[in-house]
Amino acid sequence: MADVCFCGIDLGTTNTKAVLVDNAGKCLDSVSMLTGCDQKPDLYGLFARIMQSFSSKRSIADSQIVCSITAQGGSFSLLDEKYQPMSRLYSWTESSANPAVDSMIQCFGKENYYRITGWPPNAWLMSSKIKELFSTNQFGNAAYVATLPEILHARFFGRFVTDITNAQITGLCDFQMGQWDPAILNWVGIPETRLPEIESELTILADNIQTEWGSLCFATSSHDQYAAMEAAHLAPHTNLMLATGTAWVINIRTEKPIFDDAHVLSHPGRDIRKNEFGNIITLGPIGRGLEMLLKNFGVDYPYLNSIESSLPELSPPSAAIDVDMDHGRVRAVDSFPLAVKRYMEWSAAQTLFLLELYDYRQGLNRIVMTGGAGASRYWPQVIADITQAEVQVFDFPAFTAYGAALHARAAYTDRRGCESFFQEAKTTRFFPHDSDIYRHWYEKYQKPYWKRELTTRNTN
């Protein structure tokens, strides 16, 4: 084994995935474990189990192991003076009560807050939840507030430090300045001394930490969407990542932030890559909508898989597709096969509409698709046909952890790219086929539909 290897750890809400790669980017090992953060998060114990799993299968004791940690962002815990968790993990999926959001809007205004943080005022933001903890006397005698990566950083090398990609999703950070925003902190009621310092660039935070598993280094951490962008090897203007799960988002890299004051669907932020920005564009809970569609028809995923081969034989749409995503219904469609095909076409058209809205369609040649929808044999093809771009689906469960490992490698060696991964991973490629048919339908029917939908959202 090489003298230096790189470890990426993806701390998820339920599961944590980790990978070990060599300097060429070849995956040496991977492991998946339950995160186990229902109560006080024991991240050191989780880290130890990961390293023990790696060391049980190969000798790493004589190696330099460079680690980078990625996490979903927005989940946090209260810490004592020794940086030990003293509360449960407050998940990013939880929300504060409405008074905190109303107060935020009154104090900053929607557009101003969005321009500072990259996010509109919202109950799920960490800023809202910490405000509520203070106002309801639940903060107690906690000394610090931390998201997941900095808990491990403090434990291993005594430095309470986060990264810009995680800081900016808290709603407490001026992402363009790369610092905690004083006015927002004052509104929340938390001094900056209770928050970690922010590392804005990819670098080695600490090295030569002697452990039973070998000598450890830690590189700058990341929010999981930015680690996934690293794994996807996204280049500005020519490719993007479509992350599919319960909710869908488009991730792109740009040289400057893309704001959307009118609709607030684009969420810009700094990348830990110097002079680069990431933009997270939200499409909504498309995965959840599909689950409800299946439920409404009384079918399950195995049945969906069994009929996917017949979907191309069904006629293309000849009118606008209208979907009630909250209730999982495709209006005016009664048969399940046609409903699920129309649902897939509807979501693909929304993807194209947003790419055009942010002037990102021109020059696009590759979409990297991750998440549950990538397992479909038909959905990626529909997206390729409607967007007129190649869609690549990688079959690699630890995709985001791999991106974190690439961050570790880049911080240590200043090397970029993941050629070995693209050669080794099982890759399915979908090329546009029926683009002319879909282009006519999209321009005549579906594009006007999405324009009306945006107008309706803005007036509600």
Protein backbone atom coordinates (compact mmCIF):
# COMPACT_ATOMS: atom_id res chain seq x y z
CA MET A 1 0.00 0.00 0.00
CA ALA A 2 1.15 3.56 -0.74
CA ASP A 3 2.67 5.60 2.06
CA VAL A 4 -0.14 8.15 1.77
CA CYS A 5 -3.84 7.39 1.39
CA PHE A 6 -6.91 9.59 1.51
CA CYS A 7 -10.05 9.05 3.54
CA GLY A 8 -13.39 10.68 2.83
CA ILE A 9 -16.16 10.42 5.43
CA ASP A 10 -19.76 11.35 4.59
CA LEU A 11 -21.73 11.90 7.81
CA GLY A 12 -25.38 11.36 6.87
CA THR A 13 -28.49 11.77 8.97
CA THR A 14 -29.02 7.99 9.16
CA ASN A 15 -25.99 6.38 7.52
CA THR A 16 -22.34 7.30 7.28
CA LYS A 17 -20.20 6.19 4.37
CA ALA A 18 -16.42 6.27 4.17
CA VAL A 19 -13.87 5.47 1.48
CA LEU A 20 -10.12 5.01 1.36
CA VAL A 21 -8.37 5.93 -1.91
CA ASP A 22 -4.80 6.02 -3.13
CA ASN A 23 -2.99 8.89 -4.83
CA ALA A 24 -4.32 7.85 -8.24
CA GLY A 25 -7.89 8.08 -6.97
CA LYS A 26 -8.36 4.30 -6.92
CA CYS A 27 -10.82 3.17 -4.26
CA LEU A 28 -9.02 0.83 -1.86
CA ASP A 29 -11.89 0.21 0.56
CA SER A 30 -15.31 1.50 1.55
CA VAL A 31 -17.61 1.04 4.52
CA SER A 32 -21.14 2.05 5.52
CA MET A 33 -22.34 2.37 9.13
CA LEU A 34 -25.28 3.76 11.05
CA THR A 35 -24.57 7.32 12.12
CA GLY A 36 -26.32 6.83 15.47
CA CYS A 37 -26.85 10.50 16.35
CA ASP A 38 -30.35 10.22 17.78
CA GLN A 39 -29.04 11.37 21.15
CA LYS A 40 -25.69 13.02 21.88
CA PRO A 41 -23.56 12.39 18.79
CA ASP A 42 -20.61 10.06 19.44
CA LEU A 43 -18.67 10.98 16.33
CA TYR A 44 -15.31 9.89 17.73
CA GLY A 45 -16.69 6.40 18.31
CA LEU A 46 -18.06 6.38 14.76
CA PHE A 47 -14.70 7.54 13.36
CA ALA A 48 -12.91 4.84 15.38
CA ARG A 49 -15.18 2.11 13.99
CA ILE A 50 -14.51 3.30 10.45
CA MET A 51 -10.75 3.22 10.95
CA GLN A 52 -10.93 -0.15 12.65
CA SER A 53 -12.86 -1.49 9.68
CA PHE A 54 -10.19 -0.23 7.29
CA SER A 55 -7.30 -1.50 9.42
CA SER A 56 -8.89 -4.94 9.81
CA LYS A 57 -8.63 -5.50 6.05
CA ARG A 58 -5.30 -3.86 5.23
CA SER A 59 -2.27 -2.48 7.01
CA ILE A 60 -2.60 1.28 7.37
CA ALA A 61 -0.60 1.76 10.58
CA ASP A 62 2.52 2.84 8.69
CA SER A 63 0.65 5.13 6.31
CA GLN A 64 -0.12 8.82 6.36
CA ILE A 65 -3.93 9.03 6.27
CA VAL A 66 -5.34 12.35 5.08
CA CYS A 67 -9.00 12.78 6.03
CA SER A 68 -11.73 15.15 4.96
CA ILE A 69 -15.21 15.11 6.46
CA THR A 70 -18.40 16.04 4.66
CA ALA A 71 -21.89 16.33 6.11
CA GLN A 72 -25.40 17.36 5.15
CA GLY A 73 -25.03 20.74 6.81
CA GLY A 74 -27.46 22.55 9.04
CA SER A 75 -27.59 19.79 11.66
CA PHE A 76 -25.97 20.90 14.90
CA SER A 77 -25.33 20.11 18.53
CA LEU A 78 -24.61 22.19 21.63
CA LEU A 79 -21.15 21.64 23.13
CA ASP A 80 -19.56 22.16 26.54
CA GLU A 81 -16.30 24.04 27.15
CA LYS A 82 -14.29 20.96 26.12
CA TYR A 83 -16.16 20.70 22.80
CA GLN A 84 -18.07 17.65 23.96
CA PRO A 85 -21.71 17.32 22.83
CA MET A 86 -24.15 18.08 25.64
CA SER A 87 -27.37 18.00 23.61
CA ARG A 88 -29.03 15.82 21.05
CA LEU A 89 -28.37 16.45 17.39
CA TYR A 90 -30.79 19.05 16.02
CA SER A 91 -31.43 17.81 12.49
CA TRP A 92 -31.51 20.08 9.46
CA THR A 93 -34.92 18.56 8.69
CA GLU A 94 -36.45 20.09 11.84
CA SER A 95 -38.04 23.53 11.84
CA SER A 96 -38.40 26.35 14.31
CA ALA A 97 -41.74 27.97 15.11
CA ASN A 98 -43.01 30.72 12.80
CA PRO A 99 -42.24 33.65 15.17
CA ALA A 100 -38.49 33.21 14.57
CA VAL A 101 -38.94 33.46 10.80
CA ASP A 102 -41.33 36.41 11.09
CA SER A 103 -38.80 38.20 13.25
CA MET A 104 -36.02 37.45 10.75
CA ILE A 105 -38.02 38.91 7.87
CA GLN A 106 -38.95 41.98 9.88
CA CYS A 107 -35.35 42.57 10.92
CA PHE A 108 -33.54 41.96 7.61
CA GLY A 109 -36.07 41.72 4.81
CA LYS A 110 -36.30 38.68 2.55
CA GLU A 111 -34.10 39.94 -0.28
CA ASN A 112 -31.38 41.37 1.96
CA TYR A 113 -31.13 38.18 4.03
CA TYR A 114 -30.98 36.12 0.84
CA ARG A 115 -28.23 38.33 -0.56
CA ILE A 116 -26.17 37.95 2.63
CA THR A 117 -26.58 34.22 3.25
CA GLY A 118 -27.66 32.72 -0.08
CA TRP A 119 -30.87 31.47 1.55
CA PRO A 120 -34.27 33.08 2.10
CA PRO A 121 -35.63 33.30 5.67
CA ASN A 122 -36.81 29.82 6.57
CA ALA A 123 -37.77 27.80 9.65
CA TRP A 124 -35.33 24.98 8.87
CA LEU A 125 -32.27 27.24 8.94
CA MET A 126 -29.92 26.82 11.86
CA SER A 127 -30.18 30.57 12.54
CA SER A 128 -33.93 30.27 13.19
CA LYS A 129 -33.54 27.25 15.43
CA ILE A 130 -30.75 28.77 17.54
CA LYS A 131 -32.83 31.95 17.90
CA GLU A 132 -35.66 29.80 19.21
CA LEU A 133 -33.36 27.97 21.64
CA PHE A 134 -32.25 31.29 23.11
CA SER A 135 -35.73 32.77 23.27
CA THR A 136 -37.15 29.69 25.01
CA ASN A 137 -34.21 29.30 27.43
CA GLN A 138 -33.18 25.94 25.97
CA PHE A 139 -29.58 26.92 25.21
CA GLY A 140 -28.71 26.38 28.87
CA ASN A 141 -25.06 26.57 29.85
CA ALA A 142 -23.73 25.39 26.48
CA ALA A 143 -20.44 26.96 25.48
CA TYR A 144 -20.50 26.37 21.72
CA VAL A 145 -22.68 25.48 18.75
CA ALA A 146 -21.23 23.09 16.18
CA THR A 147 -22.17 21.23 13.05
CA LEU A 148 -20.73 17.74 12.70
CA PRO A 149 -17.27 18.20 11.10
CA GLU A 150 -15.95 20.66 13.67
CA ILE A 151 -16.84 18.30 16.55
CA LEU A 152 -14.32 15.83 15.15
CA HIS A 153 -11.81 18.55 14.37
CA ALA A 154 -11.86 19.79 17.97
CA ARG A 155 -11.62 16.23 19.29
CA PHE A 156 -8.56 15.31 17.23
CA PHE A 157 -6.49 18.47 17.05
CA GLY A 158 -8.10 20.96 19.41
CA ARG A 159 -9.04 23.50 16.76
CA PHE A 160 -12.68 24.53 16.57
CA VAL A 161 -12.95 25.09 12.83
CA THR A 162 -15.56 24.59 10.14
CA ASP A 163 -15.53 25.34 6.40
CA ILE A 164 -17.26 27.98 4.33
CA THR A 165 -19.64 25.52 2.63
CA ASN A 166 -21.03 24.34 5.97
CA ALA A 167 -20.97 27.80 7.53
CA GLN A 168 -23.01 29.37 4.75
CA ILE A 169 -25.87 26.87 5.03
CA THR A 170 -26.48 27.85 8.67
CA GLY A 171 -28.06 31.17 7.71
CA LEU A 172 -25.56 32.91 10.02
CA CYS A 173 -22.81 33.58 7.50
CA ASP A 174 -22.07 36.28 4.96
CA PHE A 175 -20.82 33.83 2.36
CA GLN A 176 -19.24 36.38 0.04
CA MET A 177 -17.22 37.87 2.90
CA GLY A 178 -16.47 34.40 4.29
CA GLN A 179 -17.39 35.33 7.86
CA TRP A 180 -20.16 35.16 10.42
CA ASP A 181 -22.48 38.12 9.87
CA PRO A 182 -22.43 40.42 12.96
CA ALA A 183 -25.99 41.71 12.47
CA ILE A 184 -27.45 38.20 12.16
CA LEU A 185 -25.49 37.00 15.20
CA ASN A 186 -26.82 39.99 17.15
CA TRP A 187 -30.38 39.14 16.10
CA VAL A 188 -29.91 35.50 17.13
CA GLY A 189 -28.28 36.55 20.41
CA ILE A 190 -25.15 34.45 20.01
CA PRO A 191 -21.60 35.86 20.20
CA GLU A 192 -19.12 34.83 17.53
CA THR A 193 -16.93 33.24 20.22
CA ARG A 194 -19.49 30.43 20.51
CA LEU A 195 -19.10 29.53 16.85
CA PRO A 196 -16.19 27.86 15.06
CA GLU A 197 -13.72 29.78 12.95
CA ILE A 198 -14.36 29.51 9.21
CA GLU A 199 -11.79 28.07 6.80
CA SER A 200 -12.65 29.38 3.34
CA GLU A 201 -10.18 27.39 1.25
CA LEU A 202 -9.03 23.83 0.75
CA THR A 203 -5.98 23.28 2.93
CA ILE A 204 -4.44 20.98 5.54
CA LEU A 205 -5.84 21.93 8.93
CA ALA A 206 -3.64 19.64 11.02
CA ASP A 207 -1.05 16.93 10.36
CA ASN A 208 1.01 14.21 12.02
CA ILE A 209 -1.65 13.28 14.57
CA GLN A 210 -0.47 9.97 15.97
CA THR A 211 -3.22 7.40 16.52
CA GLU A 212 -3.55 3.65 16.82
CA TRP A 213 -4.58 3.55 13.13
CA GLY A 214 -1.62 5.52 11.85
CA SER A 215 -0.60 9.14 11.40
CA LEU A 216 -3.61 11.32 10.56
CA CYS A 217 -3.94 14.61 8.70
CA PHE A 218 -7.16 16.57 8.41
CA ALA A 219 -8.06 18.65 5.37
CA THR A 220 -10.81 21.25 5.11
CA SER A 221 -14.29 19.78 5.52
CA SER A 222 -17.28 20.39 3.23
CA HIS A 223 -21.03 20.39 2.84
CA ASP A 224 -22.10 17.16 1.15
CA GLN A 225 -23.37 18.82 -2.03
CA TYR A 226 -19.93 20.37 -2.57
CA ALA A 227 -18.21 17.03 -1.96
CA ALA A 228 -20.54 15.43 -4.49
CA MET A 229 -19.68 18.16 -6.99
CA GLU A 230 -16.02 17.29 -6.46
CA ALA A 231 -16.72 13.59 -7.09
CA ALA A 232 -18.66 14.49 -10.23
CA HIS A 233 -15.66 16.52 -11.43
CA LEU A 234 -17.93 19.39 -12.42
CA ALA A 235 -16.54 22.10 -14.63
CA PRO A 236 -18.18 25.54 -14.85
CA HIS A 237 -20.60 26.10 -17.76
CA THR A 238 -20.31 22.68 -19.40
CA ASN A 239 -21.67 20.16 -16.90
CA LEU A 240 -23.80 19.91 -13.79
CA MET A 241 -25.03 17.45 -11.20
CA LEU A 242 -28.68 16.51 -10.76
CA ALA A 243 -29.01 15.15 -7.23
CA THR A 244 -32.18 13.10 -6.86
CA GLY A 245 -33.67 11.86 -3.63
CA THR A 246 -36.69 12.90 -1.61
CA ALA A 247 -35.99 16.39 -2.96
CA TRP A 248 -34.15 17.18 -6.18
CA VAL A 249 -31.49 19.84 -6.64
CA ILE A 250 -29.28 20.98 -9.49
CA ASN A 251 -25.67 21.66 -8.48
CA ILE A 252 -23.46 23.78 -10.69
CA ARG A 253 -20.07 25.45 -10.38
CA THR A 254 -19.59 29.05 -11.48
CA GLU A 255 -17.04 31.85 -11.24
CA LYS A 256 -19.56 34.08 -9.43
CA PRO A 257 -22.73 33.59 -7.39
CA ILE A 258 -26.03 33.33 -9.25
CA PHE A 259 -28.78 35.18 -7.37
CA ASP A 260 -32.47 34.89 -8.13
CA ASP A 261 -34.27 37.68 -6.27
CA ALA A 262 -37.51 37.07 -8.17
CA HIS A 263 -37.98 33.37 -7.39
CA VAL A 264 -35.27 32.47 -4.84
CA LEU A 265 -34.75 29.01 -6.32
CA SER A 266 -30.97 29.40 -6.71
CA HIS A 267 -28.86 29.26 -3.56
CA PRO A 268 -25.33 30.53 -4.24
CA GLY A 269 -22.36 29.87 -2.00
CA ARG A 270 -18.59 29.73 -1.98
CA ASP A 271 -16.80 26.52 -2.83
CA ILE A 272 -13.71 25.55 -0.87
CA ARG A 273 -12.04 25.54 -4.28
CA LYS A 274 -10.37 28.94 -4.54
CA ASN A 275 -12.26 31.51 -6.64
CA GLU A 276 -15.12 29.12 -7.35
CA PHE A 277 -18.77 29.21 -6.34
CA GLY A 278 -21.42 26.56 -6.10
CA ASN A 279 -25.08 27.13 -6.84
CA ILE A 280 -27.77 24.82 -5.50
CA ILE A 281 -31.00 25.13 -7.50
CA THR A 282 -34.05 23.55 -5.90
CA LEU A 283 -36.66 21.62 -7.88
CA GLY A 284 -38.78 20.51 -4.93
CA PRO A 285 -39.70 17.12 -3.40
CA ILE A 286 -39.89 15.22 -6.68
CA GLY A 287 -38.85 11.91 -5.10
CA ARG A 288 -41.56 12.21 -2.46
CA GLY A 289 -44.07 13.05 -5.18
CA LEU A 290 -43.24 9.81 -7.00
CA GLU A 291 -43.70 7.84 -3.77
CA MET A 292 -47.16 9.37 -3.36
CA LEU A 293 -47.98 8.63 -6.99
CA LEU A 294 -47.14 4.95 -6.44
CA LYS A 295 -49.24 4.93 -3.26
CA ASN A 296 -52.23 6.50 -5.01
CA PHE A 297 -52.19 3.75 -7.64
CA GLY A 298 -51.57 1.01 -5.05
CA VAL A 299 -48.27 -0.14 -6.58
CA ASP A 300 -44.67 -0.38 -5.36
CA TYR A 301 -41.18 0.13 -6.77
CA PRO A 302 -40.75 -3.49 -7.93
CA TYR A 303 -43.87 -3.05 -10.04
CA LEU A 304 -42.56 0.23 -11.42
CA ASN A 305 -39.30 -1.49 -12.34
CA SER A 306 -41.23 -4.25 -14.11
CA ILE A 307 -43.08 -1.87 -16.44
CA GLU A 308 -40.30 0.62 -17.19
CA SER A 309 -39.31 -1.19 -20.40
CA SER A 310 -42.79 -0.50 -21.81
CA LEU A 311 -42.78 3.25 -21.12
CA PRO A 312 -40.95 4.26 -24.33
CA GLU A 313 -43.78 2.69 -26.33
CA LEU A 314 -46.34 5.09 -24.87
CA SER A 315 -47.12 8.21 -26.88
CA PRO A 316 -45.24 11.44 -26.17
CA PRO A 317 -47.18 14.30 -24.57
CA SER A 318 -49.28 16.56 -26.80
CA ALA A 319 -50.31 19.09 -24.16
CA ALA A 320 -48.92 20.62 -20.97
CA ILE A 321 -48.42 18.14 -18.15
CA ASP A 322 -49.98 19.34 -14.91
CA VAL A 323 -48.79 17.66 -11.70
CA ASP A 324 -50.03 18.04 -8.14
CA MET A 325 -46.75 17.06 -6.49
CA ASP A 326 -48.04 17.52 -2.93
CA HIS A 327 -50.59 14.76 -3.49
CA GLY A 328 -48.75 12.68 -6.09
CA ARG A 329 -51.21 13.11 -8.94
CA VAL A 330 -50.84 13.75 -12.67
CA ARG A 331 -54.01 15.57 -13.59
CA ALA A 332 -56.21 14.09 -16.35
CA VAL A 333 -54.23 10.81 -16.45
CA ASP A 334 -55.88 7.66 -15.07
CA SER A 335 -53.50 4.81 -16.00
CA PHE A 336 -50.38 4.22 -13.92
CA PRO A 337 -47.91 3.57 -16.78
CA LEU A 338 -48.90 6.78 -18.54
CA ALA A 339 -49.02 8.74 -15.26
CA VAL A 340 -45.49 7.73 -14.27
CA LYS A 341 -44.15 8.50 -17.75
CA ARG A 342 -45.79 11.92 -17.67
CA TYR A 343 -44.42 12.53 -14.17
CA MET A 344 -40.90 11.78 -15.39
CA GLU A 345 -41.37 14.05 -18.42
CA TRP A 346 -42.77 16.79 -16.19
CA SER A 347 -39.73 16.67 -13.86
CA ALA A 348 -37.28 16.60 -16.79
CA ALA A 349 -38.97 19.63 -18.34
CA GLN A 350 -38.71 21.48 -15.03
CA THR A 351 -34.99 20.70 -15.02
CA LEU A 352 -34.62 22.18 -18.51
CA PHE A 353 -36.73 25.22 -17.63
CA LEU A 354 -34.54 26.07 -14.63
CA LEU A 355 -31.37 25.61 -16.67
CA GLU A 356 -32.73 28.08 -19.20
CA LEU A 357 -33.92 30.45 -16.48
CA TYR A 358 -30.37 30.74 -15.14
CA ASP A 359 -28.81 30.78 -18.62
CA TYR A 360 -27.05 27.48 -18.06
CA ARG A 361 -28.41 25.43 -20.95
CA GLN A 362 -26.07 26.85 -23.59
CA GLY A 363 -22.81 24.93 -23.60
CA LEU A 364 -24.12 22.13 -21.37
CA ASN A 365 -22.80 18.76 -22.52
CA ARG A 366 -23.01 16.49 -19.48
CA ILE A 367 -25.37 15.89 -16.56
CA VAL A 368 -24.13 13.69 -13.72
CA MET A 369 -27.18 12.11 -12.08
CA THR A 370 -26.96 10.83 -8.52
CA GLY A 371 -29.47 9.44 -6.06
CA GLY A 372 -32.50 7.19 -6.31
CA ALA A 373 -33.82 8.26 -9.71
CA GLY A 374 -30.53 7.22 -11.26
CA ALA A 375 -31.47 3.59 -10.60
CA SER A 376 -34.34 3.90 -13.04
CA ARG A 377 -33.81 2.43 -16.48
CA TYR A 378 -36.00 5.09 -18.10
CA TRP A 379 -35.97 8.35 -16.12
CA PRO A 380 -32.36 9.30 -17.02
CA GLN A 381 -33.20 8.73 -20.69
CA VAL A 382 -36.15 11.11 -20.48
CA ILE A 383 -33.90 13.75 -18.92
CA ALA A 384 -31.33 13.28 -21.70
CA ASP A 385 -34.02 13.55 -24.38
CA ILE A 386 -35.63 16.70 -22.99
CA THR A 387 -32.46 18.57 -21.94
CA GLN A 388 -30.56 17.40 -25.06
CA ALA A 389 -27.51 16.57 -22.95
CA GLU A 390 -25.72 13.34 -22.12
CA VAL A 391 -26.70 11.94 -18.72
CA GLN A 392 -24.16 9.88 -16.77
CA VAL A 393 -25.22 7.70 -13.84
CA PHE A 394 -22.55 6.28 -11.54
CA ASP A 395 -23.30 3.15 -9.55
CA PHE A 396 -21.25 3.94 -6.45
CA PRO A 397 -23.08 4.29 -3.10
CA ALA A 398 -20.20 6.17 -1.45
CA PHE A 399 -20.11 8.81 -4.19
CA THR A 400 -20.14 11.78 -1.78
CA ALA A 401 -17.54 10.22 0.52
CA TYR A 402 -15.36 9.75 -2.56
CA GLY A 403 -15.65 13.48 -3.23
CA ALA A 404 -14.47 14.17 0.32
CA ALA A 405 -11.47 11.87 -0.27
CA LEU A 406 -10.67 13.88 -3.41
CA HIS A 407 -10.80 17.04 -1.30
CA ALA A 408 -8.26 15.45 1.06
CA ARG A 409 -6.03 14.50 -1.87
CA ALA A 410 -6.24 17.97 -3.41
CA ALA A 411 -5.37 19.65 -0.11
CA TYR A 412 -2.35 17.37 0.35
CA THR A 413 -1.05 17.15 -3.22
CA ASP A 414 -2.75 20.02 -5.08
CA ARG A 415 -3.92 17.38 -7.54
CA ARG A 416 -7.34 17.63 -9.15
CA GLY A 417 -9.48 15.15 -11.05
CA CYS A 418 -10.72 11.62 -10.51
CA GLU A 419 -9.71 9.77 -13.64
CA SER A 420 -9.29 6.44 -11.86
CA PHE A 421 -12.81 6.61 -10.44
CA PHE A 422 -14.37 7.29 -13.83
CA GLN A 423 -12.51 4.28 -15.20
CA GLU A 424 -13.49 1.93 -12.37
CA ALA A 425 -17.05 2.94 -11.47
CA LYS A 426 -19.95 1.28 -13.21
CA THR A 427 -21.17 4.07 -15.47
CA THR A 428 -24.38 4.10 -17.48
CA ARG A 429 -24.59 6.75 -20.18
CA PHE A 430 -27.80 8.03 -21.74
CA PHE A 431 -27.71 10.03 -24.98
CA PRO A 432 -30.52 12.19 -26.41
CA HIS A 433 -32.83 10.35 -28.83
CA ASP A 434 -36.25 11.98 -29.19
CA SER A 435 -35.13 15.57 -28.69
CA ASP A 436 -37.00 17.04 -31.70
CA ILE A 437 -40.35 15.67 -30.54
CA TYR A 438 -39.79 16.81 -26.99
CA ARG A 439 -38.42 20.21 -28.08
CA HIS A 440 -41.65 21.03 -29.93
CA TRP A 441 -43.78 19.92 -26.98
CA TYR A 442 -41.64 21.80 -24.46
CA GLU A 443 -41.60 25.09 -26.37
CA LYS A 444 -45.31 25.05 -27.23
CA TYR A 445 -46.81 23.63 -24.05
CA GLN A 446 -44.57 22.90 -21.09
CA LYS A 447 -42.37 26.00 -21.05
CA PRO A 448 -45.43 28.32 -20.86
CA TYR A 449 -46.75 26.04 -18.09
CA TRP A 450 -43.62 26.54 -15.99
CA LYS A 451 -43.73 30.29 -16.57
CA ARG A 452 -47.27 30.34 -15.21
CA GLU A 453 -46.24 28.17 -12.27
CA LEU A 454 -43.47 30.61 -11.31
CA THR A 455 -45.86 33.55 -11.56
CA THR A 456 -48.34 31.74 -9.32
CA ARG A 457 -45.67 30.96 -6.73
CA ASN A 458 -44.52 34.58 -6.65
CA THR A 459 -48.02 35.89 -6.02
CA ASN A 460 -48.83 33.40 -3.23
